[in-house]
N, C-alpha and C. Protein backbone atom coordinates (compact mmCIF):
# COMPACT_ATOMS: atom_id res chain seq x y z
N MET A 1 -12.82 30.16 -21.98
CA MET A 1 -12.71 28.91 -22.85
C MET A 1 -11.55 28.18 -22.95
N LYS A 2 -10.72 29.11 -23.59
CA LYS A 2 -8.71 28.85 -23.60
C LYS A 2 -8.67 29.05 -22.41
N THR A 3 -8.76 29.56 -21.57
CA THR A 3 -8.19 29.62 -20.06
C THR A 3 -8.42 28.24 -19.38
N LEU A 4 -9.33 27.52 -19.71
CA LEU A 4 -9.94 26.35 -19.07
C LEU A 4 -9.19 25.38 -19.66
N ARG A 5 -9.67 25.52 -21.02
CA ARG A 5 -7.88 23.90 -21.99
C ARG A 5 -7.08 24.25 -21.33
N PHE A 6 -6.50 25.44 -21.20
CA PHE A 6 -5.11 25.38 -20.67
C PHE A 6 -4.87 24.89 -19.39
N ILE A 7 -5.81 25.34 -18.67
CA ILE A 7 -5.85 24.75 -16.89
C ILE A 7 -5.73 23.50 -17.01
N LEU A 8 -7.01 22.98 -18.20
CA LEU A 8 -6.86 21.21 -18.19
C LEU A 8 -5.78 20.59 -18.85
N LEU A 9 -5.13 21.22 -19.85
CA LEU A 9 -3.72 20.92 -20.38
C LEU A 9 -2.89 20.97 -19.33
N PHE A 10 -2.60 21.90 -18.57
CA PHE A 10 -1.47 22.04 -17.66
C PHE A 10 -1.86 20.88 -16.31
N ILE A 11 -3.24 20.83 -15.66
CA ILE A 11 -3.27 20.16 -15.05
C ILE A 11 -2.78 18.24 -15.36
N LEU A 12 -3.24 17.76 -16.62
CA LEU A 12 -2.74 16.73 -17.47
C LEU A 12 -0.81 16.43 -17.39
N MET A 13 -0.54 17.49 -17.80
CA MET A 13 1.06 17.30 -18.24
C MET A 13 1.25 17.25 -16.34
N SER A 14 0.97 18.09 -15.72
CA SER A 14 1.61 18.18 -14.34
C SER A 14 1.68 16.97 -13.68
N GLY A 15 -0.04 16.18 -13.94
CA GLY A 15 0.04 14.32 -13.57
C GLY A 15 1.14 13.72 -14.31
N THR A 16 1.04 14.13 -15.60
CA THR A 16 2.28 13.03 -16.20
C THR A 16 3.67 13.36 -15.70
N ALA A 17 4.33 14.30 -15.71
CA ALA A 17 5.48 14.96 -15.16
C ALA A 17 5.63 14.33 -13.83
N CYS A 18 4.93 14.25 -12.70
CA CYS A 18 4.64 13.69 -11.46
C CYS A 18 4.76 12.20 -11.65
N ALA A 19 4.20 11.48 -12.01
CA ALA A 19 4.18 10.16 -12.41
C ALA A 19 5.60 9.75 -12.83
N GLN A 20 6.18 10.58 -14.07
CA GLN A 20 7.47 10.27 -14.93
C GLN A 20 8.81 10.77 -14.08
N ALA A 21 8.56 11.47 -12.75
CA ALA A 21 9.43 12.02 -11.98
C ALA A 21 9.67 11.33 -10.52
N LEU A 22 9.08 9.99 -10.56
CA LEU A 22 9.15 8.96 -8.98
C LEU A 22 11.04 8.53 -9.41
N ASP A 23 11.14 8.72 -7.99
CA ASP A 23 12.60 8.31 -8.05
C ASP A 23 12.52 6.94 -7.75
N THR A 24 12.43 5.84 -8.31
CA THR A 24 12.12 4.46 -7.73
C THR A 24 13.21 4.05 -6.71
N PRO A 25 14.45 4.14 -6.92
CA PRO A 25 15.22 3.35 -5.91
C PRO A 25 14.93 4.38 -4.73
N LYS A 26 14.72 5.48 -4.44
CA LYS A 26 14.63 6.19 -3.22
C LYS A 26 13.42 5.73 -2.81
N THR A 27 12.32 5.68 -3.46
CA THR A 27 10.96 5.53 -3.03
C THR A 27 10.90 4.08 -2.45
N PHE A 28 11.53 3.01 -3.24
CA PHE A 28 11.62 1.61 -2.88
C PHE A 28 12.48 1.95 -1.17
N ALA A 29 13.91 2.61 -0.85
CA ALA A 29 14.55 2.80 0.09
C ALA A 29 13.46 3.04 1.33
N VAL A 30 12.55 3.94 1.16
CA VAL A 30 11.81 4.32 1.86
C VAL A 30 10.62 3.42 2.35
N LEU A 31 10.39 2.19 1.41
CA LEU A 31 9.64 1.23 1.92
C LEU A 31 10.33 0.13 2.55
N LYS A 32 12.06 0.06 2.33
CA LYS A 32 12.58 -0.55 3.23
C LYS A 32 12.84 -0.10 4.33
N SER A 33 12.91 0.95 4.49
CA SER A 33 12.92 1.75 6.32
C SER A 33 11.92 1.34 6.89
N LEU A 34 11.09 0.77 6.54
CA LEU A 34 10.00 0.21 7.41
C LEU A 34 10.08 -0.69 7.73
N ALA A 35 10.98 -1.77 7.09
CA ALA A 35 11.35 -3.27 7.97
C ALA A 35 11.05 -3.23 9.55
N GLY A 36 10.29 -4.15 9.71
CA GLY A 36 10.16 -4.70 11.31
C GLY A 36 8.50 -4.77 11.90
N THR A 37 8.54 -4.94 12.79
CA THR A 37 6.85 -5.55 13.51
C THR A 37 6.45 -4.26 13.65
N TRP A 38 5.15 -3.87 13.40
CA TRP A 38 4.34 -2.51 13.53
C TRP A 38 2.73 -3.41 13.93
N GLU A 39 2.30 -2.77 14.95
CA GLU A 39 0.83 -2.88 15.78
C GLU A 39 -0.11 -1.51 15.69
N GLY A 40 -0.93 -1.61 15.50
CA GLY A 40 -2.09 -0.77 15.69
C GLY A 40 -3.62 -0.75 15.26
N PRO A 41 -4.62 -0.13 16.09
CA PRO A 41 -6.05 -0.03 15.50
C PRO A 41 -6.47 -0.18 14.46
N SER A 42 -7.48 -0.14 13.56
CA SER A 42 -8.01 -0.63 12.43
C SER A 42 -9.15 0.48 12.35
N THR A 43 -9.47 0.64 11.28
CA THR A 43 -10.92 1.52 11.14
C THR A 43 -11.15 0.88 9.73
N VAL A 44 -12.74 0.62 9.61
CA VAL A 44 -13.00 0.16 8.50
C VAL A 44 -14.40 0.55 8.13
N ASP A 45 -14.38 1.41 6.89
CA ASP A 45 -15.76 2.27 6.37
C ASP A 45 -16.53 1.79 5.12
N PRO A 46 -17.35 1.15 4.96
CA PRO A 46 -18.40 0.92 5.90
C PRO A 46 -17.76 -0.26 6.50
N PRO A 47 -18.08 -0.68 7.77
CA PRO A 47 -17.74 -1.73 8.45
C PRO A 47 -17.99 -3.06 7.61
N GLN A 48 -16.96 -4.20 7.96
CA GLN A 48 -17.57 -5.32 6.91
C GLN A 48 -17.58 -6.56 8.21
N PRO A 49 -18.32 -7.34 7.86
CA PRO A 49 -17.97 -8.46 8.77
C PRO A 49 -16.25 -9.53 7.95
N GLY A 50 -15.71 -10.07 9.37
CA GLY A 50 -14.17 -10.62 9.08
C GLY A 50 -13.36 -9.43 8.79
N TRP A 51 -13.69 -8.40 8.86
CA TRP A 51 -12.51 -7.39 8.80
C TRP A 51 -12.54 -7.19 10.21
N ALA A 52 -10.97 -6.30 10.96
CA ALA A 52 -10.45 -6.15 12.03
C ALA A 52 -10.81 -4.21 12.32
N ASN A 53 -12.42 -4.33 12.62
CA ASN A 53 -12.41 -2.61 12.77
C ASN A 53 -12.84 -2.88 14.18
N GLY A 54 -11.72 -1.66 14.35
CA GLY A 54 -11.45 -1.27 16.02
C GLY A 54 -10.32 -2.52 16.62
N LYS A 55 -10.16 -3.66 15.89
CA LYS A 55 -9.20 -4.17 16.68
C LYS A 55 -7.68 -4.22 16.16
N VAL A 56 -6.91 -4.32 17.15
CA VAL A 56 -5.21 -3.90 16.96
C VAL A 56 -4.95 -4.80 15.36
N VAL A 57 -3.82 -4.36 14.58
CA VAL A 57 -3.93 -5.81 13.84
C VAL A 57 -2.24 -5.42 14.04
N GLN A 58 -1.49 -6.61 12.94
CA GLN A 58 0.02 -6.62 13.06
C GLN A 58 0.40 -6.90 11.75
N PHE A 59 1.49 -5.78 11.41
CA PHE A 59 1.94 -5.55 9.92
C PHE A 59 3.49 -6.14 10.02
N ILE A 60 4.18 -6.97 9.46
CA ILE A 60 5.43 -7.46 9.46
C ILE A 60 5.96 -7.03 7.80
N LEU A 61 6.90 -6.09 8.09
CA LEU A 61 7.84 -5.87 7.00
C LEU A 61 9.16 -6.06 6.89
N ARG A 62 9.80 -6.99 5.77
CA ARG A 62 10.62 -7.56 5.84
C ARG A 62 11.51 -7.24 4.35
N ASP A 63 12.73 -7.03 4.52
CA ASP A 63 13.48 -6.60 3.66
C ASP A 63 13.87 -8.57 2.75
N ALA A 64 13.95 -8.83 1.65
CA ALA A 64 13.92 -10.31 1.20
C ALA A 64 14.59 -10.19 -0.25
N SER A 65 15.27 -11.34 -0.49
CA SER A 65 15.72 -11.30 -1.75
C SER A 65 16.66 -10.62 -1.69
N GLN A 66 17.75 -10.56 -0.86
CA GLN A 66 18.83 -10.00 -0.92
C GLN A 66 18.54 -8.51 -1.46
N GLY A 67 17.61 -7.78 -0.68
CA GLY A 67 17.06 -6.24 -1.26
C GLY A 67 16.59 -6.28 -2.31
N GLN A 68 15.85 -7.59 -3.25
CA GLN A 68 15.63 -7.01 -4.32
C GLN A 68 13.87 -6.84 -3.77
N ALA A 69 13.66 -7.10 -3.05
CA ALA A 69 12.08 -7.37 -2.37
C ALA A 69 11.54 -6.72 -0.92
N VAL A 70 10.65 -6.33 -0.75
CA VAL A 70 9.96 -6.16 0.80
C VAL A 70 8.67 -7.17 0.80
N THR A 71 8.65 -7.89 1.55
CA THR A 71 7.68 -8.75 1.72
C THR A 71 6.63 -7.82 2.81
N HIS A 72 5.46 -7.83 2.71
CA HIS A 72 4.80 -6.68 3.65
C HIS A 72 3.28 -8.22 3.62
N LEU A 73 3.54 -8.65 5.48
CA LEU A 73 2.44 -9.04 6.25
C LEU A 73 1.25 -8.76 6.52
N ILE A 74 -0.08 -8.91 6.48
CA ILE A 74 -0.91 -8.22 7.56
C ILE A 74 -1.68 -9.51 8.00
N SER A 75 -2.01 -8.91 9.30
CA SER A 75 -2.13 -10.38 10.56
C SER A 75 -3.30 -9.56 11.07
N TYR A 76 -4.78 -9.98 11.00
CA TYR A 76 -5.66 -9.97 11.21
C TYR A 76 -5.89 -11.06 12.65
N GLY A 77 -5.54 -11.84 12.75
CA GLY A 77 -5.87 -12.83 14.04
C GLY A 77 -5.26 -14.35 13.75
N GLY A 78 -5.87 -14.44 12.18
CA GLY A 78 -5.62 -15.88 11.26
C GLY A 78 -4.67 -15.55 10.44
N PRO A 79 -4.57 -16.15 9.55
CA PRO A 79 -2.80 -16.65 8.33
C PRO A 79 -2.82 -15.18 8.11
N PRO A 80 -1.55 -15.15 7.85
CA PRO A 80 -1.57 -13.43 7.30
C PRO A 80 -1.93 -13.29 6.10
N GLU A 81 -2.03 -12.00 5.27
CA GLU A 81 -1.72 -11.96 4.09
C GLU A 81 -1.00 -11.30 3.24
N ILE A 82 -0.29 -11.78 2.48
CA ILE A 82 1.18 -10.98 1.92
C ILE A 82 1.07 -10.55 0.70
N SER A 83 2.02 -9.49 0.84
CA SER A 83 2.10 -8.65 -0.79
C SER A 83 3.68 -8.41 -0.96
N VAL A 84 4.00 -8.16 -1.77
CA VAL A 84 5.64 -8.66 -2.14
C VAL A 84 5.80 -7.14 -2.90
N ALA A 85 6.72 -6.59 -2.73
CA ALA A 85 6.71 -5.52 -3.22
C ALA A 85 8.16 -5.31 -3.75
N TYR A 86 8.76 -5.15 -5.50
CA TYR A 86 9.54 -4.70 -5.92
C TYR A 86 9.87 -4.17 -7.36
N VAL A 87 10.72 -4.18 -7.77
CA VAL A 87 11.19 -3.14 -8.84
C VAL A 87 10.97 -3.96 -10.24
N ASP A 88 10.07 -3.27 -11.04
CA ASP A 88 9.98 -4.12 -12.26
C ASP A 88 9.88 -3.25 -13.30
N ALA A 89 11.06 -3.42 -14.51
CA ALA A 89 11.38 -2.38 -15.25
C ALA A 89 11.32 -1.55 -15.20
N GLY A 90 11.47 -0.87 -14.01
CA GLY A 90 12.29 0.28 -13.30
C GLY A 90 10.40 1.46 -12.87
N LYS A 91 9.40 0.34 -12.46
CA LYS A 91 8.51 0.44 -11.45
C LYS A 91 8.53 0.22 -10.42
N LEU A 92 8.28 0.51 -9.05
CA LEU A 92 7.90 0.06 -7.88
C LEU A 92 6.77 -0.64 -8.19
N THR A 93 6.66 -1.89 -8.14
CA THR A 93 5.40 -2.97 -8.21
C THR A 93 4.78 -3.59 -6.55
N LEU A 94 3.61 -3.81 -6.97
CA LEU A 94 3.33 -4.43 -5.60
C LEU A 94 2.43 -5.60 -5.74
N LEU A 95 2.72 -6.78 -5.64
CA LEU A 95 1.71 -8.14 -5.98
C LEU A 95 1.13 -8.49 -4.71
N HIS A 96 -0.13 -8.54 -4.70
CA HIS A 96 -0.74 -9.06 -3.44
C HIS A 96 -1.92 -10.13 -3.42
N TYR A 97 -1.30 -11.07 -2.64
CA TYR A 97 -1.86 -12.31 -2.60
C TYR A 97 -3.04 -12.27 -1.27
N CYS A 98 -4.57 -12.06 -2.18
CA CYS A 98 -5.63 -11.76 -1.24
C CYS A 98 -6.19 -12.98 -0.82
N ASP A 99 -6.81 -12.74 0.10
CA ASP A 99 -7.63 -13.86 1.05
C ASP A 99 -8.88 -14.09 0.14
N ALA A 100 -9.37 -12.96 -1.11
CA ALA A 100 -10.42 -13.31 -1.58
C ALA A 100 -9.90 -14.13 -2.88
N GLY A 101 -8.70 -15.03 -2.89
CA GLY A 101 -8.17 -15.56 -4.29
C GLY A 101 -7.93 -14.86 -5.18
N ASN A 102 -7.70 -13.56 -5.35
CA ASN A 102 -6.87 -13.02 -6.78
C ASN A 102 -5.67 -12.76 -6.31
N ARG A 103 -5.04 -11.59 -7.08
CA ARG A 103 -3.72 -11.45 -6.94
C ARG A 103 -3.71 -9.89 -7.93
N PRO A 104 -3.97 -8.92 -6.86
CA PRO A 104 -4.01 -7.36 -7.95
C PRO A 104 -2.53 -6.70 -7.92
N ARG A 105 -2.26 -6.68 -9.09
CA ARG A 105 -0.79 -6.15 -9.32
C ARG A 105 -0.67 -4.71 -9.18
N LEU A 106 -0.29 -3.83 -8.35
CA LEU A 106 -0.01 -2.90 -8.24
C LEU A 106 1.21 -1.83 -8.39
N VAL A 107 1.22 -0.32 -8.95
CA VAL A 107 2.23 0.27 -9.06
C VAL A 107 2.48 1.68 -8.43
N ALA A 108 3.65 2.00 -8.00
CA ALA A 108 3.32 3.51 -7.00
C ALA A 108 3.56 4.20 -7.76
N ALA A 109 3.65 5.49 -7.17
CA ALA A 109 3.86 6.87 -7.32
C ALA A 109 3.73 7.43 -5.86
N ALA A 110 4.70 7.94 -5.60
CA ALA A 110 5.05 9.08 -4.71
C ALA A 110 4.53 10.38 -4.05
N SER A 111 4.00 10.60 -3.24
CA SER A 111 3.74 12.58 -3.06
C SER A 111 5.20 13.07 -3.04
N PRO A 112 5.05 14.53 -3.49
CA PRO A 112 5.92 15.36 -3.72
C PRO A 112 6.79 15.81 -2.51
N ASP A 113 6.40 15.08 -1.43
CA ASP A 113 7.62 15.04 0.04
C ASP A 113 7.77 13.82 0.09
N GLY A 114 7.93 12.68 -0.53
CA GLY A 114 8.03 11.49 -0.36
C GLY A 114 7.82 10.82 0.57
N LYS A 115 7.11 11.33 1.42
CA LYS A 115 6.39 10.95 2.62
C LYS A 115 5.02 9.17 2.34
N THR A 116 4.75 9.75 1.27
CA THR A 116 3.63 8.78 0.89
C THR A 116 3.50 8.20 0.00
N ILE A 117 3.54 6.81 -0.34
CA ILE A 117 3.71 5.85 -1.47
C ILE A 117 2.26 5.53 -1.37
N THR A 118 1.83 5.67 -2.81
CA THR A 118 0.74 5.53 -2.99
C THR A 118 0.85 4.65 -4.33
N PHE A 119 -0.03 3.23 -4.58
CA PHE A 119 0.43 1.68 -5.48
C PHE A 119 -1.10 2.06 -5.51
N ASP A 120 -1.38 2.17 -6.54
CA ASP A 120 -2.71 1.90 -7.19
C ASP A 120 -2.83 0.76 -8.49
N MET A 121 -3.77 -0.55 -8.10
CA MET A 121 -4.22 -1.20 -9.29
C MET A 121 -3.70 -1.39 -10.81
N VAL A 122 -3.37 -1.99 -11.57
CA VAL A 122 -3.16 -2.09 -12.91
C VAL A 122 -3.60 -3.09 -13.36
N GLU A 123 -3.70 -4.25 -12.80
CA GLU A 123 -3.72 -5.85 -13.38
C GLU A 123 -4.22 -6.42 -12.47
N LEU A 124 -5.42 -7.64 -12.61
CA LEU A 124 -5.97 -7.95 -11.36
C LEU A 124 -6.22 -9.30 -11.87
N SER A 125 -5.09 -10.73 -11.58
CA SER A 125 -5.39 -12.18 -11.91
C SER A 125 -6.22 -12.97 -11.22
N GLY A 126 -6.61 -13.73 -11.51
CA GLY A 126 -7.73 -14.69 -10.22
C GLY A 126 -9.07 -13.91 -10.21
N PRO A 127 -9.88 -14.76 -9.27
CA PRO A 127 -11.56 -14.28 -9.87
C PRO A 127 -11.57 -12.81 -8.88
N ASP A 128 -13.06 -12.29 -9.34
CA ASP A 128 -13.05 -11.06 -8.66
C ASP A 128 -14.17 -10.98 -7.87
N THR A 129 -15.12 -12.43 -7.61
CA THR A 129 -16.14 -12.50 -7.12
C THR A 129 -16.48 -11.98 -5.61
N MET A 130 -15.30 -11.58 -5.01
CA MET A 130 -15.22 -11.43 -3.37
C MET A 130 -14.70 -9.99 -3.29
N GLY A 131 -14.49 -9.45 -4.47
CA GLY A 131 -13.79 -7.78 -4.54
C GLY A 131 -12.26 -8.10 -4.35
N HIS A 132 -11.80 -6.93 -4.22
CA HIS A 132 -9.98 -6.98 -4.91
C HIS A 132 -9.52 -5.79 -4.45
N LEU A 133 -8.25 -5.75 -3.84
CA LEU A 133 -7.92 -4.38 -3.22
C LEU A 133 -7.29 -3.31 -4.67
N ALA A 134 -7.76 -1.98 -4.60
CA ALA A 134 -7.62 -1.33 -5.27
C ALA A 134 -6.60 -0.39 -5.35
N GLN A 135 -5.74 -0.10 -4.28
CA GLN A 135 -5.12 0.85 -3.85
C GLN A 135 -4.76 0.60 -2.23
N ILE A 136 -3.31 1.13 -1.75
CA ILE A 136 -2.87 1.03 -0.42
C ILE A 136 -2.17 2.07 -0.46
N ALA A 137 -1.67 3.09 0.46
CA ALA A 137 -1.31 4.11 0.41
C ALA A 137 -0.64 4.32 1.73
N ILE A 138 0.76 4.03 1.81
CA ILE A 138 1.53 3.83 3.22
C ILE A 138 2.43 5.48 3.36
N THR A 139 1.54 6.18 4.87
CA THR A 139 2.68 6.81 4.81
C THR A 139 3.64 7.04 5.91
N THR A 140 4.70 7.82 5.98
CA THR A 140 5.48 7.53 6.94
C THR A 140 5.30 9.11 7.77
N ILE A 141 5.11 8.49 9.20
CA ILE A 141 5.28 10.04 10.22
C ILE A 141 6.63 9.98 10.50
N ASP A 142 6.94 9.02 11.07
CA ASP A 142 8.51 9.56 11.84
C ASP A 142 9.45 7.79 11.78
N ALA A 143 10.05 7.47 12.31
CA ALA A 143 11.32 5.90 11.79
C ALA A 143 10.00 5.03 13.05
N ASP A 144 9.21 5.91 13.75
CA ASP A 144 8.61 4.61 14.64
C ASP A 144 6.79 3.96 14.64
N HIS A 145 6.48 5.64 13.64
CA HIS A 145 4.84 5.61 13.22
C HIS A 145 4.81 5.83 11.35
N HIS A 146 3.48 5.38 11.33
CA HIS A 146 3.76 5.04 10.05
C HIS A 146 1.84 4.97 10.05
N VAL A 147 1.21 5.41 8.89
CA VAL A 147 -0.50 4.68 8.52
C VAL A 147 -0.22 4.56 7.22
N GLU A 148 -1.26 3.23 7.20
CA GLU A 148 -1.66 2.64 5.86
C GLU A 148 -3.13 2.50 5.67
N ASP A 149 -3.47 3.21 4.28
CA ASP A 149 -4.69 3.15 4.12
C ASP A 149 -4.88 2.08 2.82
N LEU A 150 -5.96 1.52 2.51
CA LEU A 150 -6.38 0.61 1.60
C LEU A 150 -7.78 1.25 0.94
N ILE A 151 -7.72 0.94 -0.01
CA ILE A 151 -9.27 1.14 -0.79
C ILE A 151 -9.44 -0.65 -1.42
N TYR A 152 -10.65 -1.08 -0.76
CA TYR A 152 -10.89 -2.41 -0.97
C TYR A 152 -12.26 -2.11 -2.16
N MET A 153 -12.61 -3.23 -3.26
CA MET A 153 -13.40 -2.77 -4.03
C MET A 153 -14.41 -3.94 -3.86
N LEU A 154 -15.48 -3.50 -3.31
CA LEU A 154 -16.48 -4.91 -2.81
C LEU A 154 -17.34 -5.29 -3.99
N PRO A 155 -18.05 -6.62 -3.79
CA PRO A 155 -18.48 -7.02 -4.85
C PRO A 155 -19.62 -5.59 -5.49
N GLY A 156 -19.62 -5.49 -6.76
CA GLY A 156 -20.83 -4.66 -7.06
C GLY A 156 -19.92 -3.13 -6.97
N ASN A 157 -18.66 -2.98 -7.17
CA ASN A 157 -17.73 -2.08 -7.15
C ASN A 157 -17.49 -1.21 -6.10
N LYS A 158 -18.33 -1.26 -4.73
CA LYS A 158 -18.87 -0.23 -3.64
C LYS A 158 -17.32 -0.66 -3.20
N PRO A 159 -16.51 0.82 -2.80
CA PRO A 159 -15.29 0.94 -2.21
C PRO A 159 -15.71 0.68 -0.90
N MET A 160 -14.74 0.17 -0.11
CA MET A 160 -14.13 0.18 1.32
C MET A 160 -13.39 0.80 1.94
N HIS A 161 -12.88 1.67 3.17
CA HIS A 161 -11.97 2.03 3.14
C HIS A 161 -11.15 1.40 4.49
N ALA A 162 -9.86 0.90 4.58
CA ALA A 162 -9.42 0.80 5.95
C ALA A 162 -8.56 1.52 6.30
N HIS A 163 -8.43 1.86 7.33
CA HIS A 163 -7.07 2.87 7.90
C HIS A 163 -6.37 2.20 9.01
N PHE A 164 -5.03 2.01 9.34
CA PHE A 164 -4.49 1.58 10.28
C PHE A 164 -3.64 2.22 10.47
N ASP A 165 -3.43 2.63 11.80
CA ASP A 165 -2.44 3.55 12.45
C ASP A 165 -1.41 3.00 13.48
N LEU A 166 -0.25 2.67 12.90
CA LEU A 166 0.58 1.36 13.19
C LEU A 166 1.97 2.33 14.08
N LYS A 167 2.52 1.43 15.09
CA LYS A 167 3.45 2.44 15.60
C LYS A 167 4.39 0.81 15.72
N ARG A 168 6.01 1.38 15.50
CA ARG A 168 6.37 0.41 15.66
C ARG A 168 6.61 -0.79 17.01
N VAL A 169 6.94 -2.01 17.04
CA VAL A 169 6.91 -2.84 18.19
C VAL A 169 8.63 -3.02 18.25
N PRO A 170 9.39 -2.55 19.33
CA PRO A 170 10.75 -2.77 19.44
C PRO A 170 11.15 -4.22 19.23
N GLU A 171 12.16 -4.43 18.96
CA GLU A 171 12.65 -5.93 18.71
C GLU A 171 13.33 -6.45 20.17
N LYS A 172 13.20 -7.48 20.50
CA LYS A 172 13.91 -8.08 21.82
C LYS A 172 14.96 -8.31 21.27
N ALA A 173 15.75 -7.61 22.73
CA ALA A 173 17.40 -7.81 22.68
C ALA A 173 17.42 -9.26 22.36
N LYS A 174 18.47 -9.70 21.81
CA LYS A 174 19.27 -10.87 21.53
C LYS A 174 20.44 -10.92 22.97
N PRO A 175 20.35 -12.24 24.01
CA PRO A 175 21.09 -12.63 24.71
C PRO A 175 22.70 -12.89 23.93
């Protein structure tokens, strides 16, 4: 029993140490490196009406406010949804302006290898009648390929997983 308590204490302390060890400037720089236009197929589980299951979606990430923010637009064919990432009190934060009419605020943690940035919801403003974004994970494969996974909590607190496999769209040469 003492061994089990020690293991649980070690796991809890390790998680806390990892959360405190987030190098916010470095993680924000990784997010900024994804600036550009991205396209790729989506999968949604379980499938939902209005979600782009199996369709190609477009993501546009842009450095904004003289490097103080990154805008993240998702377009399923209609008006895009926007999220804004920024550093607030030393934490990499993402505010998502959802089609559902709410604004979840999420805070980032990075994987040990620095390739995945996971934003978890810490606060929700606005109505939750149509559900809300609970988590978004952005994994960098290379300079021209990344994936995004999100967990959306449907009404009744039922999770839906959306996966986007995104390739960078080459910028057109300027004349």
